[in-house]
Amino acid sequence: MATTQQEIKSFWQTNKYLSKSGFVKTHPYPFLVELDPSPEDENGQSFETLASKGQSDRSSFQRSAQIDMNSRIFRIAKREKGSFGEKISVGRTLNNDIVLRHSSISKFHAYFSCEDVRYAYYVTDVGSMNGTRVEEVPLTPMKKTEVHNGNKISFGDELHFLFLDAQDLYTRIKILERFM
């Protein structure tokens, strides 16, 4: 079975009673959290309204405002008996660790790898048709790129995610929970 996709809402139902340290201990891996598309006006143009005290606040508000309790969440972890060795594969077919069923995603699109020494995570595009981007910068095929907590990662044309460690995810969900 591939890495399970869930909405944050259902994922949180089984985790909401954990403390932050308990949550991090239970989930010792990062996550991909799907970003919502920007709302569109009646002419099909996207817009957003931001309240900000300055440029640095604006940037963090934009990032956190793009996920909600209905966003899909994927754990970045190797599935039991998975293909592709130690690589955490991303692709359209069911033999991948992270399955993204979308027409702009290649059968085997990209993979994550981890350097155990300092727990650095990398993403590598494998030459997919529609590419992979980190912070809107297209990746060079077969060249690993380090990803950091809070980075936006895009697979194909339309699927955009935040790369979040368990501690940051917990904090963001607790904030979202206040508005439910």
N, C-alpha and C. Protein backbone atom coordinates (compact mmCIF):
# COMPACT_ATOMS: atom_id res chain seq x y z
N MET A 1 0.84 -1.18 0.00
CA MET A 1 0.00 0.00 0.00
C MET A 1 0.88 1.24 0.00
N ALA A 2 0.54 2.20 -0.83
CA ALA A 2 1.30 3.44 -0.92
C ALA A 2 1.05 4.29 0.31
N THR A 3 1.90 5.32 0.47
CA THR A 3 1.71 6.24 1.57
C THR A 3 0.30 6.79 1.51
N THR A 4 -0.37 6.70 2.63
CA THR A 4 -1.77 7.09 2.69
C THR A 4 -1.92 8.59 2.59
N GLN A 5 -2.84 8.99 1.74
CA GLN A 5 -3.21 10.40 1.65
C GLN A 5 -4.44 10.58 2.51
N GLN A 6 -4.49 11.65 3.24
CA GLN A 6 -5.64 11.97 4.07
C GLN A 6 -5.85 13.46 4.01
N GLU A 7 -7.02 13.89 4.40
CA GLU A 7 -7.21 15.30 4.64
C GLU A 7 -6.69 15.58 6.03
N ILE A 8 -6.18 16.80 6.24
CA ILE A 8 -5.67 17.15 7.57
C ILE A 8 -6.73 16.90 8.63
N LYS A 9 -7.98 17.21 8.29
CA LYS A 9 -9.09 17.04 9.24
C LYS A 9 -9.15 15.62 9.80
N SER A 10 -9.11 14.60 8.94
CA SER A 10 -9.19 13.23 9.42
C SER A 10 -7.88 12.78 10.08
N PHE A 11 -6.76 13.23 9.56
CA PHE A 11 -5.47 12.94 10.16
C PHE A 11 -5.42 13.48 11.59
N TRP A 12 -5.94 14.68 11.78
CA TRP A 12 -5.88 15.33 13.09
C TRP A 12 -6.78 14.64 14.11
N GLN A 13 -7.87 14.01 13.66
CA GLN A 13 -8.77 13.33 14.58
C GLN A 13 -8.04 12.26 15.40
N THR A 14 -7.06 11.61 14.79
CA THR A 14 -6.33 10.57 15.50
C THR A 14 -5.08 11.08 16.21
N ASN A 15 -4.77 12.37 16.04
CA ASN A 15 -3.55 12.93 16.62
C ASN A 15 -3.76 14.12 17.53
N LYS A 16 -4.97 14.63 17.63
CA LYS A 16 -5.19 15.91 18.31
C LYS A 16 -4.96 15.87 19.82
N TYR A 17 -4.94 14.70 20.41
CA TYR A 17 -4.73 14.63 21.85
C TYR A 17 -3.25 14.48 22.22
N LEU A 18 -2.39 14.43 21.22
CA LEU A 18 -0.96 14.33 21.48
C LEU A 18 -0.38 15.71 21.80
N SER A 19 0.60 15.74 22.68
CA SER A 19 1.36 16.98 22.90
C SER A 19 2.25 17.16 21.67
N LYS A 20 2.87 18.33 21.56
CA LYS A 20 3.76 18.57 20.42
C LYS A 20 4.89 17.55 20.41
N SER A 21 5.49 17.29 21.57
CA SER A 21 6.60 16.32 21.62
C SER A 21 6.10 14.90 21.31
N GLY A 22 4.90 14.57 21.75
CA GLY A 22 4.31 13.27 21.43
C GLY A 22 4.02 13.12 19.94
N PHE A 23 3.55 14.20 19.33
CA PHE A 23 3.27 14.21 17.90
C PHE A 23 4.55 13.99 17.12
N VAL A 24 5.61 14.72 17.48
CA VAL A 24 6.90 14.61 16.78
C VAL A 24 7.48 13.21 16.95
N LYS A 25 7.33 12.64 18.13
CA LYS A 25 7.83 11.28 18.38
C LYS A 25 7.04 10.24 17.57
N THR A 26 5.74 10.45 17.45
CA THR A 26 4.88 9.54 16.69
C THR A 26 5.11 9.66 15.19
N HIS A 27 5.48 10.85 14.74
CA HIS A 27 5.67 11.12 13.30
C HIS A 27 7.08 11.66 13.06
N PRO A 28 8.09 10.79 13.05
CA PRO A 28 9.48 11.23 12.91
C PRO A 28 9.91 11.45 11.46
N TYR A 29 9.06 12.02 10.66
CA TYR A 29 9.33 12.26 9.24
C TYR A 29 8.62 13.54 8.83
N PRO A 30 9.04 14.13 7.72
CA PRO A 30 8.34 15.33 7.24
C PRO A 30 7.07 14.96 6.46
N PHE A 31 6.34 15.98 6.09
CA PHE A 31 5.07 15.82 5.37
C PHE A 31 5.03 16.73 4.15
N LEU A 32 4.21 16.34 3.19
CA LEU A 32 3.80 17.22 2.11
C LEU A 32 2.36 17.60 2.40
N VAL A 33 2.07 18.90 2.45
CA VAL A 33 0.71 19.37 2.69
C VAL A 33 0.29 20.16 1.46
N GLU A 34 -0.80 19.71 0.84
CA GLU A 34 -1.24 20.34 -0.40
C GLU A 34 -1.72 21.77 -0.16
N LEU A 35 -1.27 22.64 -1.03
CA LEU A 35 -1.69 24.04 -0.98
C LEU A 35 -2.98 24.21 -1.76
N ASP A 36 -3.86 25.03 -1.23
CA ASP A 36 -5.11 25.31 -1.94
C ASP A 36 -4.84 26.30 -3.05
N PRO A 37 -5.54 26.15 -4.18
CA PRO A 37 -5.41 27.16 -5.23
C PRO A 37 -5.97 28.49 -4.72
N SER A 38 -5.44 29.58 -5.24
CA SER A 38 -5.96 30.89 -4.86
C SER A 38 -7.40 31.03 -5.31
N PRO A 39 -8.23 31.71 -4.51
CA PRO A 39 -9.61 31.91 -4.93
C PRO A 39 -9.66 32.72 -6.23
N GLU A 40 -10.70 32.50 -7.01
CA GLU A 40 -10.83 33.22 -8.27
C GLU A 40 -12.05 34.13 -8.24
N ASP A 41 -11.92 35.26 -8.93
CA ASP A 41 -13.07 36.14 -9.04
C ASP A 41 -13.96 35.67 -10.19
N GLU A 42 -15.04 36.37 -10.46
CA GLU A 42 -15.98 35.92 -11.49
C GLU A 42 -15.39 35.93 -12.90
N ASN A 43 -14.28 36.66 -13.11
CA ASN A 43 -13.63 36.68 -14.42
C ASN A 43 -12.54 35.63 -14.54
N GLY A 44 -12.42 34.77 -13.53
CA GLY A 44 -11.43 33.70 -13.58
C GLY A 44 -10.04 34.14 -13.16
N GLN A 45 -9.88 35.34 -12.63
CA GLN A 45 -8.57 35.81 -12.20
C GLN A 45 -8.42 35.58 -10.71
N SER A 46 -7.22 35.15 -10.32
CA SER A 46 -7.03 34.87 -8.90
C SER A 46 -6.70 36.15 -8.14
N PHE A 47 -7.06 36.12 -6.86
CA PHE A 47 -6.80 37.25 -6.00
C PHE A 47 -6.61 36.74 -4.59
N GLU A 48 -6.05 37.57 -3.73
CA GLU A 48 -5.96 37.24 -2.31
C GLU A 48 -5.97 38.53 -1.52
N THR A 49 -6.49 38.46 -0.33
CA THR A 49 -6.53 39.60 0.57
C THR A 49 -5.62 39.28 1.74
N LEU A 50 -4.70 40.18 2.03
CA LEU A 50 -3.76 39.95 3.11
C LEU A 50 -3.81 41.09 4.11
N ALA A 51 -3.72 40.76 5.36
CA ALA A 51 -3.55 41.75 6.41
C ALA A 51 -2.13 41.58 6.91
N SER A 52 -1.35 42.64 6.94
CA SER A 52 0.05 42.50 7.25
C SER A 52 0.60 43.72 7.95
N LYS A 53 1.63 43.49 8.76
CA LYS A 53 2.33 44.59 9.41
C LYS A 53 3.58 44.97 8.62
N GLY A 54 3.93 44.18 7.64
CA GLY A 54 5.14 44.47 6.87
C GLY A 54 5.47 43.31 5.96
N GLN A 55 6.53 43.44 5.17
CA GLN A 55 6.90 42.45 4.18
C GLN A 55 7.19 41.09 4.80
N SER A 56 7.89 41.02 5.94
CA SER A 56 8.20 39.71 6.52
C SER A 56 6.94 39.02 7.02
N ASP A 57 5.99 39.77 7.60
CA ASP A 57 4.72 39.19 8.03
C ASP A 57 3.92 38.70 6.83
N ARG A 58 3.96 39.45 5.75
CA ARG A 58 3.20 39.10 4.54
C ARG A 58 3.63 37.74 4.02
N SER A 59 4.93 37.50 3.97
CA SER A 59 5.45 36.24 3.46
C SER A 59 4.99 35.07 4.32
N SER A 60 5.11 35.17 5.62
CA SER A 60 4.70 34.04 6.48
C SER A 60 3.19 33.87 6.47
N PHE A 61 2.44 34.97 6.37
CA PHE A 61 0.98 34.86 6.30
C PHE A 61 0.56 34.14 5.02
N GLN A 62 1.17 34.49 3.90
CA GLN A 62 0.83 33.84 2.64
C GLN A 62 1.04 32.34 2.72
N ARG A 63 2.17 31.93 3.28
CA ARG A 63 2.45 30.50 3.36
C ARG A 63 1.45 29.77 4.24
N SER A 64 1.16 30.30 5.42
CA SER A 64 0.30 29.58 6.34
C SER A 64 -1.16 29.65 5.92
N ALA A 65 -1.56 30.69 5.20
CA ALA A 65 -2.95 30.87 4.81
C ALA A 65 -3.35 29.93 3.68
N GLN A 66 -2.41 29.28 3.05
CA GLN A 66 -2.74 28.48 1.88
C GLN A 66 -3.11 27.04 2.20
N ILE A 67 -3.05 26.64 3.46
CA ILE A 67 -3.50 25.30 3.81
C ILE A 67 -4.73 25.43 4.70
N ASP A 68 -5.57 24.41 4.65
CA ASP A 68 -6.72 24.39 5.55
C ASP A 68 -6.98 22.96 5.96
N MET A 69 -7.98 22.75 6.77
CA MET A 69 -8.24 21.41 7.31
C MET A 69 -8.66 20.41 6.23
N ASN A 70 -8.99 20.89 5.02
CA ASN A 70 -9.35 20.00 3.93
C ASN A 70 -8.17 19.70 3.01
N SER A 71 -7.01 20.32 3.27
CA SER A 71 -5.82 20.05 2.46
C SER A 71 -5.41 18.59 2.62
N ARG A 72 -4.94 18.01 1.52
CA ARG A 72 -4.42 16.64 1.59
C ARG A 72 -3.04 16.66 2.21
N ILE A 73 -2.73 15.60 2.91
CA ILE A 73 -1.44 15.48 3.59
C ILE A 73 -0.83 14.12 3.25
N PHE A 74 0.48 14.10 3.01
CA PHE A 74 1.20 12.87 2.70
C PHE A 74 2.43 12.81 3.60
N ARG A 75 2.69 11.68 4.22
CA ARG A 75 3.92 11.55 4.99
C ARG A 75 5.04 11.20 4.02
N ILE A 76 6.20 11.76 4.23
CA ILE A 76 7.36 11.47 3.37
C ILE A 76 8.13 10.37 4.07
N ALA A 77 7.74 9.15 3.75
CA ALA A 77 8.34 7.98 4.38
C ALA A 77 8.25 6.81 3.41
N LYS A 78 9.18 5.91 3.53
CA LYS A 78 9.21 4.72 2.69
C LYS A 78 8.12 3.77 3.13
N ARG A 79 7.38 3.24 2.18
CA ARG A 79 6.37 2.25 2.54
C ARG A 79 7.02 0.88 2.67
N GLU A 80 6.38 0.01 3.42
CA GLU A 80 6.90 -1.33 3.60
C GLU A 80 6.93 -2.06 2.26
N LYS A 81 8.03 -2.72 1.98
CA LYS A 81 8.21 -3.47 0.72
C LYS A 81 8.06 -2.57 -0.50
N GLY A 82 8.49 -1.34 -0.40
CA GLY A 82 8.38 -0.41 -1.51
C GLY A 82 9.41 -0.65 -2.59
N SER A 83 9.11 -0.13 -3.76
CA SER A 83 10.03 -0.20 -4.90
C SER A 83 11.08 0.90 -4.77
N PHE A 84 12.05 0.91 -5.64
CA PHE A 84 13.03 1.99 -5.80
C PHE A 84 14.02 2.09 -4.64
N GLY A 85 14.35 0.99 -3.98
CA GLY A 85 15.36 1.01 -2.93
C GLY A 85 15.01 1.92 -1.77
N GLU A 86 15.96 2.75 -1.37
CA GLU A 86 15.75 3.66 -0.24
C GLU A 86 15.08 4.97 -0.66
N LYS A 87 14.90 5.16 -1.95
CA LYS A 87 14.27 6.39 -2.44
C LYS A 87 12.79 6.40 -2.10
N ILE A 88 12.29 7.55 -1.68
CA ILE A 88 10.86 7.71 -1.39
C ILE A 88 10.24 8.26 -2.66
N SER A 89 9.64 7.38 -3.44
CA SER A 89 9.20 7.73 -4.78
C SER A 89 7.89 8.49 -4.79
N VAL A 90 7.78 9.38 -5.79
CA VAL A 90 6.57 10.18 -6.03
C VAL A 90 6.17 9.93 -7.47
N GLY A 91 4.90 9.61 -7.69
CA GLY A 91 4.44 9.38 -9.05
C GLY A 91 2.97 9.05 -9.11
N ARG A 92 2.52 8.83 -10.33
CA ARG A 92 1.09 8.59 -10.59
C ARG A 92 0.68 7.14 -10.33
N THR A 93 1.60 6.19 -10.48
CA THR A 93 1.22 4.78 -10.35
C THR A 93 1.26 4.31 -8.89
N LEU A 94 0.53 3.27 -8.62
CA LEU A 94 0.33 2.79 -7.25
C LEU A 94 1.56 2.16 -6.61
N ASN A 95 2.62 1.88 -7.38
CA ASN A 95 3.82 1.31 -6.78
C ASN A 95 4.74 2.37 -6.18
N ASN A 96 4.36 3.64 -6.25
CA ASN A 96 5.14 4.72 -5.65
C ASN A 96 4.82 4.84 -4.17
N ASP A 97 5.75 5.43 -3.42
CA ASP A 97 5.53 5.66 -2.00
C ASP A 97 4.51 6.78 -1.78
N ILE A 98 4.59 7.82 -2.60
CA ILE A 98 3.61 8.91 -2.56
C ILE A 98 2.92 8.93 -3.91
N VAL A 99 1.64 8.61 -3.91
CA VAL A 99 0.87 8.50 -5.15
C VAL A 99 0.07 9.78 -5.37
N LEU A 100 0.35 10.45 -6.49
CA LEU A 100 -0.36 11.66 -6.88
C LEU A 100 -1.09 11.37 -8.18
N ARG A 101 -2.36 11.04 -8.08
CA ARG A 101 -3.15 10.66 -9.25
C ARG A 101 -3.63 11.92 -9.97
N HIS A 102 -2.79 12.40 -10.89
CA HIS A 102 -3.10 13.61 -11.65
C HIS A 102 -2.43 13.47 -13.02
N SER A 103 -3.08 13.99 -14.05
CA SER A 103 -2.59 13.83 -15.42
C SER A 103 -1.24 14.51 -15.68
N SER A 104 -0.87 15.50 -14.89
CA SER A 104 0.43 16.17 -15.12
C SER A 104 1.58 15.49 -14.37
N ILE A 105 1.28 14.40 -13.68
CA ILE A 105 2.30 13.67 -12.93
C ILE A 105 2.73 12.44 -13.72
N SER A 106 4.03 12.24 -13.85
CA SER A 106 4.56 11.07 -14.55
C SER A 106 4.38 9.82 -13.69
N LYS A 107 4.46 8.65 -14.32
CA LYS A 107 4.32 7.39 -13.58
C LYS A 107 5.33 7.33 -12.43
N PHE A 108 6.58 7.65 -12.70
CA PHE A 108 7.62 7.82 -11.67
C PHE A 108 8.16 9.21 -11.91
N HIS A 109 7.79 10.15 -11.09
CA HIS A 109 8.00 11.58 -11.33
C HIS A 109 9.26 12.13 -10.65
N ALA A 110 9.42 11.78 -9.37
CA ALA A 110 10.52 12.32 -8.57
C ALA A 110 10.72 11.41 -7.37
N TYR A 111 11.74 11.72 -6.59
CA TYR A 111 11.91 10.99 -5.33
C TYR A 111 12.56 11.87 -4.28
N PHE A 112 12.29 11.51 -3.03
CA PHE A 112 12.94 12.14 -1.88
C PHE A 112 14.00 11.20 -1.37
N SER A 113 15.07 11.77 -0.84
CA SER A 113 16.10 10.99 -0.17
C SER A 113 16.50 11.75 1.09
N CYS A 114 17.09 11.05 2.02
CA CYS A 114 17.46 11.65 3.30
C CYS A 114 18.90 11.32 3.62
N GLU A 115 19.64 12.33 4.05
CA GLU A 115 21.00 12.14 4.55
C GLU A 115 20.89 11.98 6.05
N ASP A 116 21.09 10.76 6.53
CA ASP A 116 20.91 10.47 7.95
C ASP A 116 21.83 11.27 8.86
N VAL A 117 22.99 11.65 8.38
CA VAL A 117 23.97 12.34 9.22
C VAL A 117 23.37 13.61 9.82
N ARG A 118 22.69 14.41 9.00
CA ARG A 118 22.10 15.64 9.53
C ARG A 118 20.61 15.74 9.21
N TYR A 119 20.02 14.63 8.84
CA TYR A 119 18.60 14.54 8.53
C TYR A 119 18.16 15.58 7.50
N ALA A 120 19.01 15.79 6.51
CA ALA A 120 18.67 16.69 5.41
C ALA A 120 17.87 15.91 4.38
N TYR A 121 16.82 16.53 3.87
CA TYR A 121 16.01 15.89 2.83
C TYR A 121 16.29 16.55 1.49
N TYR A 122 16.25 15.72 0.45
CA TYR A 122 16.49 16.17 -0.91
C TYR A 122 15.36 15.66 -1.79
N VAL A 123 15.05 16.42 -2.83
CA VAL A 123 14.11 15.97 -3.84
C VAL A 123 14.85 15.97 -5.18
N THR A 124 14.57 14.95 -5.98
CA THR A 124 15.20 14.79 -7.29
C THR A 124 14.11 14.51 -8.32
N ASP A 125 14.07 15.32 -9.37
CA ASP A 125 13.17 15.04 -10.49
C ASP A 125 13.88 14.01 -11.37
N VAL A 126 13.15 13.01 -11.83
CA VAL A 126 13.79 11.94 -12.62
C VAL A 126 13.65 12.14 -14.12
N GLY A 127 13.39 13.38 -14.54
CA GLY A 127 13.20 13.66 -15.96
C GLY A 127 11.74 13.59 -16.34
N SER A 128 10.87 13.95 -15.42
CA SER A 128 9.43 13.89 -15.66
C SER A 128 9.03 14.86 -16.77
N MET A 129 7.92 14.57 -17.40
CA MET A 129 7.44 15.38 -18.52
C MET A 129 7.13 16.82 -18.09
N ASN A 130 6.49 17.00 -16.94
CA ASN A 130 6.05 18.34 -16.52
C ASN A 130 6.87 18.94 -15.39
N GLY A 131 7.93 18.27 -14.98
CA GLY A 131 8.89 18.84 -14.06
C GLY A 131 8.48 18.92 -12.60
N THR A 132 9.46 19.30 -11.80
CA THR A 132 9.31 19.52 -10.37
C THR A 132 9.98 20.85 -10.06
N ARG A 133 9.38 21.63 -9.16
CA ARG A 133 9.95 22.92 -8.79
C ARG A 133 10.02 23.04 -7.27
N VAL A 134 11.05 23.70 -6.78
CA VAL A 134 11.17 24.05 -5.37
C VAL A 134 11.23 25.56 -5.31
N GLU A 135 10.29 26.17 -4.59
CA GLU A 135 10.19 27.63 -4.52
C GLU A 135 10.16 28.24 -5.93
N GLU A 136 9.39 27.59 -6.81
CA GLU A 136 9.17 28.03 -8.19
C GLU A 136 10.39 27.89 -9.09
N VAL A 137 11.49 27.34 -8.61
CA VAL A 137 12.69 27.14 -9.43
C VAL A 137 12.65 25.71 -9.99
N PRO A 138 12.63 25.57 -11.33
CA PRO A 138 12.60 24.22 -11.92
C PRO A 138 13.86 23.43 -11.56
N LEU A 139 13.66 22.16 -11.24
CA LEU A 139 14.80 21.30 -10.91
C LEU A 139 15.43 20.75 -12.17
N THR A 140 16.74 20.62 -12.14
CA THR A 140 17.47 19.96 -13.21
C THR A 140 17.27 18.46 -13.01
N PRO A 141 16.83 17.74 -14.05
CA PRO A 141 16.60 16.30 -13.89
C PRO A 141 17.84 15.58 -13.37
N MET A 142 17.62 14.66 -12.46
CA MET A 142 18.62 13.78 -11.85
C MET A 142 19.64 14.53 -10.98
N LYS A 143 19.32 15.77 -10.60
CA LYS A 143 20.19 16.52 -9.68
C LYS A 143 19.41 16.75 -8.39
N LYS A 144 19.94 16.21 -7.28
CA LYS A 144 19.21 16.36 -6.02
C LYS A 144 19.30 17.79 -5.52
N THR A 145 18.17 18.24 -4.94
CA THR A 145 18.06 19.60 -4.41
C THR A 145 17.59 19.50 -2.98
N GLU A 146 18.31 20.14 -2.08
CA GLU A 146 17.92 20.11 -0.67
C GLU A 146 16.63 20.90 -0.47
N VAL A 147 15.74 20.35 0.34
CA VAL A 147 14.50 21.04 0.68
C VAL A 147 14.50 21.33 2.18
N HIS A 148 13.95 22.48 2.52
CA HIS A 148 13.93 22.93 3.90
C HIS A 148 12.49 23.09 4.36
N ASN A 149 12.32 23.05 5.66
CA ASN A 149 11.00 23.22 6.23
C ASN A 149 10.35 24.50 5.70
N GLY A 150 9.12 24.38 5.23
CA GLY A 150 8.38 25.53 4.71
C GLY A 150 8.55 25.77 3.23
N ASN A 151 9.43 25.01 2.56
CA ASN A 151 9.59 25.18 1.11
C ASN A 151 8.33 24.75 0.37
N LYS A 152 8.04 25.47 -0.71
CA LYS A 152 6.94 25.09 -1.60
C LYS A 152 7.54 24.17 -2.66
N ILE A 153 6.92 23.01 -2.84
CA ILE A 153 7.35 22.05 -3.85
C ILE A 153 6.17 21.82 -4.78
N SER A 154 6.43 21.93 -6.09
CA SER A 154 5.39 21.71 -7.10
C SER A 154 5.77 20.52 -7.95
N PHE A 155 4.82 19.62 -8.15
CA PHE A 155 4.99 18.47 -9.03
C PHE A 155 4.05 18.67 -10.20
N GLY A 156 4.57 18.61 -11.42
CA GLY A 156 3.72 18.81 -12.58
C GLY A 156 3.23 20.23 -12.67
N ASP A 157 2.09 20.39 -13.35
CA ASP A 157 1.56 21.73 -13.61
C ASP A 157 0.70 22.29 -12.49
N GLU A 158 0.04 21.44 -11.72
CA GLU A 158 -1.00 21.95 -10.83
C GLU A 158 -0.94 21.51 -9.38
N LEU A 159 -0.01 20.66 -9.01
CA LEU A 159 0.02 20.16 -7.64
C LEU A 159 1.13 20.85 -6.85
N HIS A 160 0.73 21.61 -5.84
CA HIS A 160 1.65 22.42 -5.05
C HIS A 160 1.52 22.02 -3.58
N PHE A 161 2.66 21.88 -2.92
CA PHE A 161 2.71 21.41 -1.54
C PHE A 161 3.67 22.24 -0.71
N LEU A 162 3.47 22.20 0.59
CA LEU A 162 4.46 22.70 1.53
C LEU A 162 5.18 21.50 2.11
N PHE A 163 6.48 21.60 2.23
CA PHE A 163 7.30 20.59 2.88
C PHE A 163 7.42 21.02 4.34
N LEU A 164 6.83 20.24 5.24
CA LEU A 164 6.78 20.62 6.65
C LEU A 164 7.29 19.51 7.55
N ASP A 165 8.11 19.88 8.54
CA ASP A 165 8.49 18.89 9.53
C ASP A 165 7.33 18.72 10.51
N ALA A 166 7.38 17.68 11.32
CA ALA A 166 6.26 17.36 12.21
C ALA A 166 5.97 18.47 13.20
N GLN A 167 7.02 19.12 13.70
CA GLN A 167 6.84 20.19 14.68
C GLN A 167 6.08 21.38 14.07
N ASP A 168 6.47 21.78 12.87
CA ASP A 168 5.80 22.89 12.20
C ASP A 168 4.37 22.51 11.81
N LEU A 169 4.17 21.28 11.33
CA LEU A 169 2.83 20.84 10.98
C LEU A 169 1.91 20.90 12.20
N TYR A 170 2.38 20.42 13.32
CA TYR A 170 1.60 20.44 14.56
C TYR A 170 1.17 21.88 14.89
N THR A 171 2.12 22.80 14.85
CA THR A 171 1.83 24.20 15.16
C THR A 171 0.80 24.78 14.20
N ARG A 172 0.95 24.51 12.92
CA ARG A 172 0.02 25.04 11.92
C ARG A 172 -1.38 24.46 12.09
N ILE A 173 -1.46 23.17 12.41
CA ILE A 173 -2.78 22.56 12.61
C ILE A 173 -3.45 23.14 13.86
N LYS A 174 -2.68 23.35 14.91
CA LYS A 174 -3.25 23.95 16.13
C LYS A 174 -3.81 25.35 15.83
N ILE A 175 -3.14 26.10 14.99
CA ILE A 175 -3.64 27.42 14.59
C ILE A 175 -4.92 27.28 13.77
N LEU A 176 -4.92 26.34 12.80
CA LEU A 176 -6.12 26.12 11.98
C LEU A 176 -7.30 25.67 12.83
N GLU A 177 -7.02 24.87 13.84
CA GLU A 177 -8.06 24.32 14.70
C GLU A 177 -8.85 25.44 15.41
N ARG A 178 -8.20 26.53 15.69
CA ARG A 178 -8.85 27.66 16.36
C ARG A 178 -9.98 28.26 15.51
N PHE A 179 -9.89 28.09 14.19
CA PHE A 179 -10.87 28.69 13.29
C PHE A 179 -11.96 27.71 12.86
N MET A 180 -11.96 26.54 13.46
CA MET A 180 -12.98 25.53 13.10
C MET A 180 -14.24 25.74 13.92
